[in-house]
Amino acid sequence: MRFILIHKARVKEAKDFVDASGVVDVKIIPLGQEREPTSATLEALQSGSCRVALVGVRKEYKKALASAGFEPEVKVENVFALEQWLRPAGTPPPPSLPSVSFHKAALEPRLIFGVRALDRADDLAPLRYAFVARAADALVQLARKGTSNSPLEDFFAERSLTYAINGNISVTANIHSGSATRQVTTERHLKQGDSTTAESAARIYFHCDRLPDGGHLVLVLYCGPHPNQSFTVHVRIPNGS
């Protein structure tokens, strides 16, 4: 059995990550402000041979745990750093959580997110995680290099992504850049899943402006289950973008 010891405020984050990893031999033990393992924690760890990972645990706790005979295999500050540890040997890595895919994509400065654009990203059904990862990568490529003068439909089709320019949902973006504000309304989105549950109908709404060097300023307005109505989002453009 494997155990993740993590502060109680981050248990949901850890549980979502473990669930997305597809493993079933991991138990999460929530911690408070204690400086050493409680009797209940030690009892759980003594239930059999175990492997322990610590996430964001203070040094005093680590030392006390080692003194009790439980040397952790992994010590990390962020639960997402456990991806390699969680994956069974010989299995391919599972798709990242949608929010993780887009947080990695955010390293591209021309990819900018609307306020709360990712709030519902991880509400998607796990079978859509791989789609989101491909979409995030494609939007990064669009931002960096553009489409090489190909239509957007062809650009996304080459990456096995379904691109739609209209639908029954429209997104109005209030785009703030310095003291200036402009407004655009769009229906364009990437999608996977029709005639199914909202969680299985993944939708990524975005807007893009072509830049002089051929790349694009890409604004991610929403990623998550199929919205039930049109909505408005605010986007703040950092200086220099």
Protein backbone atom coordinates (compact mmCIF):
# COMPACT_ATOMS: atom_id res chain seq x y z
CA MET A 1 0.00 0.00 0.00
CA ARG A 2 1.18 3.53 -0.76
CA PHE A 3 0.41 6.59 1.34
CA ILE A 4 0.45 10.29 0.55
CA LEU A 5 0.73 12.53 3.61
CA ILE A 6 -0.46 16.03 2.78
CA HIS A 7 -2.06 19.01 4.52
CA LYS A 8 -5.83 18.68 4.83
CA ALA A 9 -6.43 21.87 2.81
CA ARG A 10 -4.87 20.18 -0.24
CA VAL A 11 -6.53 16.77 0.04
CA LYS A 12 -9.03 17.40 -2.78
CA GLU A 13 -6.18 18.42 -5.10
CA ALA A 14 -4.33 15.23 -4.22
CA LYS A 15 -7.43 13.03 -4.58
CA ASP A 16 -8.22 14.45 -8.02
CA PHE A 17 -4.64 13.85 -9.13
CA VAL A 18 -4.58 10.28 -7.83
CA ASP A 19 -7.95 9.52 -9.47
CA ALA A 20 -6.72 10.87 -12.79
CA SER A 21 -3.60 8.69 -12.48
CA GLY A 22 -5.78 5.57 -12.47
CA VAL A 23 -4.09 3.90 -9.49
CA VAL A 24 -5.98 2.14 -6.71
CA ASP A 25 -3.27 1.31 -4.17
CA VAL A 26 -2.87 4.82 -2.77
CA LYS A 27 -4.37 6.18 0.46
CA ILE A 28 -4.26 9.89 1.30
CA ILE A 29 -3.68 10.86 4.94
CA PRO A 30 -4.62 14.47 5.73
CA LEU A 31 -2.39 16.39 8.12
CA GLY A 32 -3.07 19.44 10.26
CA GLN A 33 -0.46 21.53 12.02
CA GLU A 34 1.05 18.65 13.99
CA ARG A 35 4.85 18.47 14.20
CA GLU A 36 4.97 14.68 14.48
CA PRO A 37 2.80 11.75 13.34
CA THR A 38 -0.31 11.03 15.39
CA SER A 39 -1.00 7.58 16.73
CA ALA A 40 -3.71 7.16 14.09
CA THR A 41 -1.24 7.96 11.30
CA LEU A 42 1.34 5.54 12.66
CA GLU A 43 -1.29 2.83 13.03
CA ALA A 44 -2.31 3.28 9.39
CA LEU A 45 1.29 3.07 8.21
CA GLN A 46 1.94 -0.02 10.34
CA SER A 47 -0.92 -1.93 8.73
CA GLY A 48 1.53 -3.60 6.39
CA SER A 49 4.47 -2.93 4.10
CA CYS A 50 4.03 0.58 2.87
CA ARG A 51 5.61 3.26 0.74
CA VAL A 52 5.25 6.87 1.82
CA ALA A 53 5.27 10.18 -0.06
CA LEU A 54 5.26 13.54 1.72
CA VAL A 55 3.82 16.63 0.07
CA GLY A 56 4.59 20.05 1.53
CA VAL A 57 5.34 18.61 4.96
CA ARG A 58 7.46 20.60 7.44
CA LYS A 59 10.97 19.40 8.30
CA GLU A 60 10.16 18.55 11.93
CA TYR A 61 7.42 16.17 10.77
CA LYS A 62 9.73 14.48 8.28
CA LYS A 63 12.33 13.86 11.00
CA ALA A 64 9.74 12.54 13.45
CA LEU A 65 8.34 10.19 10.83
CA ALA A 66 11.81 8.85 10.03
CA SER A 67 12.48 8.39 13.74
CA ALA A 68 9.32 6.29 13.97
CA GLY A 69 10.76 3.98 11.31
CA PHE A 70 9.04 5.32 8.19
CA GLU A 71 11.51 6.86 5.78
CA PRO A 72 9.55 8.48 2.94
CA GLU A 73 10.41 7.48 -0.61
CA VAL A 74 9.53 10.89 -2.00
CA LYS A 75 9.48 14.41 -0.53
CA VAL A 76 7.96 17.08 -2.75
CA GLU A 77 6.28 20.46 -2.35
CA ASN A 78 3.63 19.99 -5.04
CA VAL A 79 1.37 16.99 -5.52
CA PHE A 80 1.85 17.14 -9.30
CA ALA A 81 5.50 16.21 -8.77
CA LEU A 82 4.30 12.72 -7.77
CA GLU A 83 3.35 11.75 -11.31
CA GLN A 84 6.32 9.43 -11.78
CA TRP A 85 5.96 7.91 -8.30
CA LEU A 86 2.27 7.18 -8.79
CA ARG A 87 2.60 5.50 -12.16
CA PRO A 88 3.06 1.70 -11.98
CA ALA A 89 6.28 0.48 -13.57
CA GLY A 90 6.00 -0.22 -17.28
CA THR A 91 2.77 1.70 -17.85
CA PRO A 92 2.49 4.77 -20.07
CA PRO A 93 1.94 8.07 -18.28
CA PRO A 94 -1.75 8.95 -17.88
CA PRO A 95 -3.04 12.22 -19.32
CA SER A 96 -2.57 15.17 -17.02
CA LEU A 97 -5.49 16.93 -15.39
CA PRO A 98 -6.84 19.59 -17.78
CA SER A 99 -5.74 22.38 -15.45
CA VAL A 100 -2.21 20.92 -15.37
CA SER A 101 -2.05 20.77 -19.17
CA PHE A 102 -2.99 24.42 -19.42
CA HIS A 103 -0.74 25.52 -16.56
CA LYS A 104 2.16 24.02 -18.51
CA ALA A 105 0.92 25.79 -21.64
CA ALA A 106 0.88 29.08 -19.72
CA LEU A 107 4.68 29.16 -20.00
CA GLU A 108 4.03 30.53 -23.50
CA PRO A 109 3.64 34.32 -22.95
CA ARG A 110 1.36 34.74 -25.96
CA LEU A 111 -1.17 32.33 -24.46
CA ILE A 112 -3.32 34.32 -22.04
CA PHE A 113 -6.21 33.10 -19.89
CA GLY A 114 -9.47 34.81 -19.16
CA VAL A 115 -10.35 35.39 -15.52
CA ARG A 116 -11.58 32.05 -14.11
CA ALA A 117 -11.20 30.39 -17.53
CA LEU A 118 -9.97 27.15 -15.95
CA ASP A 119 -12.31 27.04 -12.96
CA ARG A 120 -14.24 24.09 -14.38
CA ALA A 121 -11.49 22.46 -16.42
CA ASP A 122 -11.03 19.56 -13.99
CA ASP A 123 -14.78 18.90 -13.92
CA LEU A 124 -14.40 17.22 -17.29
CA ALA A 125 -14.70 13.44 -17.51
CA PRO A 126 -11.26 11.75 -17.41
CA LEU A 127 -11.76 10.36 -20.92
CA ARG A 128 -11.43 13.98 -22.17
CA TYR A 129 -8.11 14.70 -20.46
CA ALA A 130 -6.04 13.60 -23.46
CA PHE A 131 -8.11 15.85 -25.72
CA VAL A 132 -7.39 18.86 -23.50
CA ALA A 133 -3.67 18.05 -23.48
CA ARG A 134 -3.61 17.97 -27.30
CA ALA A 135 -5.65 21.17 -27.49
CA ALA A 136 -3.39 23.00 -25.06
CA ASP A 137 -0.33 21.96 -27.08
CA ALA A 138 -1.98 23.06 -30.33
CA LEU A 139 -2.87 26.47 -28.91
CA VAL A 140 0.74 26.92 -27.79
CA GLN A 141 1.91 26.13 -31.32
CA LEU A 142 -0.65 28.57 -32.72
CA ALA A 143 0.63 31.28 -30.40
CA ARG A 144 4.28 30.67 -31.22
CA LYS A 145 4.30 29.97 -34.94
CA GLY A 146 0.82 30.50 -36.31
CA THR A 147 -0.70 28.28 -38.97
CA SER A 148 1.85 28.74 -41.80
CA ASN A 149 -0.96 30.44 -43.75
CA SER A 150 -3.21 27.39 -43.47
CA PRO A 151 -6.84 27.89 -42.41
CA LEU A 152 -7.47 27.26 -38.73
CA GLU A 153 -9.68 24.32 -39.67
CA ASP A 154 -6.73 22.60 -41.36
CA PHE A 155 -4.30 23.55 -38.59
CA PHE A 156 -6.43 21.85 -35.96
CA ALA A 157 -7.46 18.93 -38.18
CA GLU A 158 -3.79 18.06 -38.65
CA ARG A 159 -3.66 17.65 -34.87
CA SER A 160 -6.80 15.49 -34.69
CA LEU A 161 -8.83 18.29 -33.10
CA THR A 162 -12.37 19.33 -34.01
CA TYR A 163 -12.66 23.09 -34.53
CA ALA A 164 -16.07 24.77 -34.68
CA ILE A 165 -16.69 28.38 -35.64
CA ASN A 166 -20.26 28.53 -34.38
CA GLY A 167 -22.67 26.82 -32.03
CA ASN A 168 -25.41 27.56 -29.55
CA ILE A 169 -23.05 29.23 -27.05
CA SER A 170 -21.36 32.58 -27.53
CA VAL A 171 -18.65 34.07 -25.33
CA THR A 172 -18.21 37.81 -24.94
CA ALA A 173 -14.68 38.79 -23.94
CA ASN A 174 -13.91 42.16 -22.38
CA ILE A 175 -10.21 42.52 -23.19
CA HIS A 176 -8.30 44.97 -21.01
CA SER A 177 -4.88 46.19 -22.16
CA GLY A 178 -3.47 49.06 -20.11
CA SER A 179 -6.17 51.73 -19.98
CA ALA A 180 -7.85 50.46 -23.17
CA THR A 181 -10.72 47.97 -23.30
CA ARG A 182 -12.20 46.25 -26.34
CA GLN A 183 -14.94 43.69 -26.64
CA VAL A 184 -15.24 40.69 -28.91
CA THR A 185 -17.92 38.03 -29.10
CA THR A 186 -17.05 34.60 -30.45
CA GLU A 187 -18.46 31.13 -30.81
CA ARG A 188 -15.24 29.48 -31.99
CA HIS A 189 -14.11 26.55 -29.93
CA LEU A 190 -12.40 23.18 -29.88
CA LYS A 191 -14.59 20.31 -28.87
CA GLN A 192 -14.84 16.59 -28.21
CA GLY A 193 -18.08 14.84 -27.36
CA ASP A 194 -21.61 15.46 -28.65
CA SER A 195 -24.98 14.11 -27.52
CA THR A 196 -23.53 13.11 -24.16
CA THR A 197 -23.29 14.46 -20.63
CA ALA A 198 -21.97 17.98 -20.07
CA GLU A 199 -18.85 16.56 -18.39
CA SER A 200 -18.10 14.39 -21.42
CA ALA A 201 -18.79 17.24 -23.87
CA ALA A 202 -15.46 19.05 -23.55
CA ARG A 203 -15.38 22.62 -24.87
CA ILE A 204 -12.49 25.08 -25.13
CA TYR A 205 -13.52 28.57 -26.23
CA PHE A 206 -10.82 30.91 -27.43
CA HIS A 207 -10.07 34.03 -29.45
CA CYS A 208 -6.89 34.76 -31.39
CA ASP A 209 -5.32 37.77 -33.09
CA ARG A 210 -2.64 37.31 -35.73
CA LEU A 211 0.65 39.08 -34.95
CA PRO A 212 3.11 40.61 -37.46
CA ASP A 213 5.60 37.73 -37.10
CA GLY A 214 2.95 35.15 -38.03
CA GLY A 215 2.26 33.98 -34.50
CA HIS A 216 -0.94 34.71 -32.62
CA LEU A 217 -2.06 36.24 -29.38
CA VAL A 218 -4.29 33.42 -28.11
CA LEU A 219 -6.88 34.11 -25.43
CA VAL A 220 -8.27 31.04 -23.69
CA LEU A 221 -11.75 32.06 -22.54
CA TYR A 222 -13.06 28.79 -21.12
CA CYS A 223 -12.16 25.13 -20.72
CA GLY A 224 -14.60 22.69 -19.18
CA PRO A 225 -17.92 20.88 -19.59
CA HIS A 226 -20.37 22.16 -22.20
CA PRO A 227 -21.74 25.47 -20.82
CA ASN A 228 -25.51 25.71 -20.44
CA GLN A 229 -25.69 29.34 -21.57
CA SER A 230 -23.68 32.13 -23.17
CA PHE A 231 -21.44 34.11 -20.86
CA THR A 232 -19.00 37.02 -20.49
CA VAL A 233 -15.37 36.80 -19.44
CA HIS A 234 -12.71 39.40 -18.67
CA VAL A 235 -9.17 39.09 -20.04
CA ARG A 236 -6.26 41.18 -18.87
CA ILE A 237 -3.34 41.52 -21.29
CA PRO A 238 0.02 41.86 -19.48
CA ASN A 239 2.30 44.68 -20.55
CA GLY A 240 4.50 43.61 -23.42
CA SER A 241 2.19 40.90 -24.75
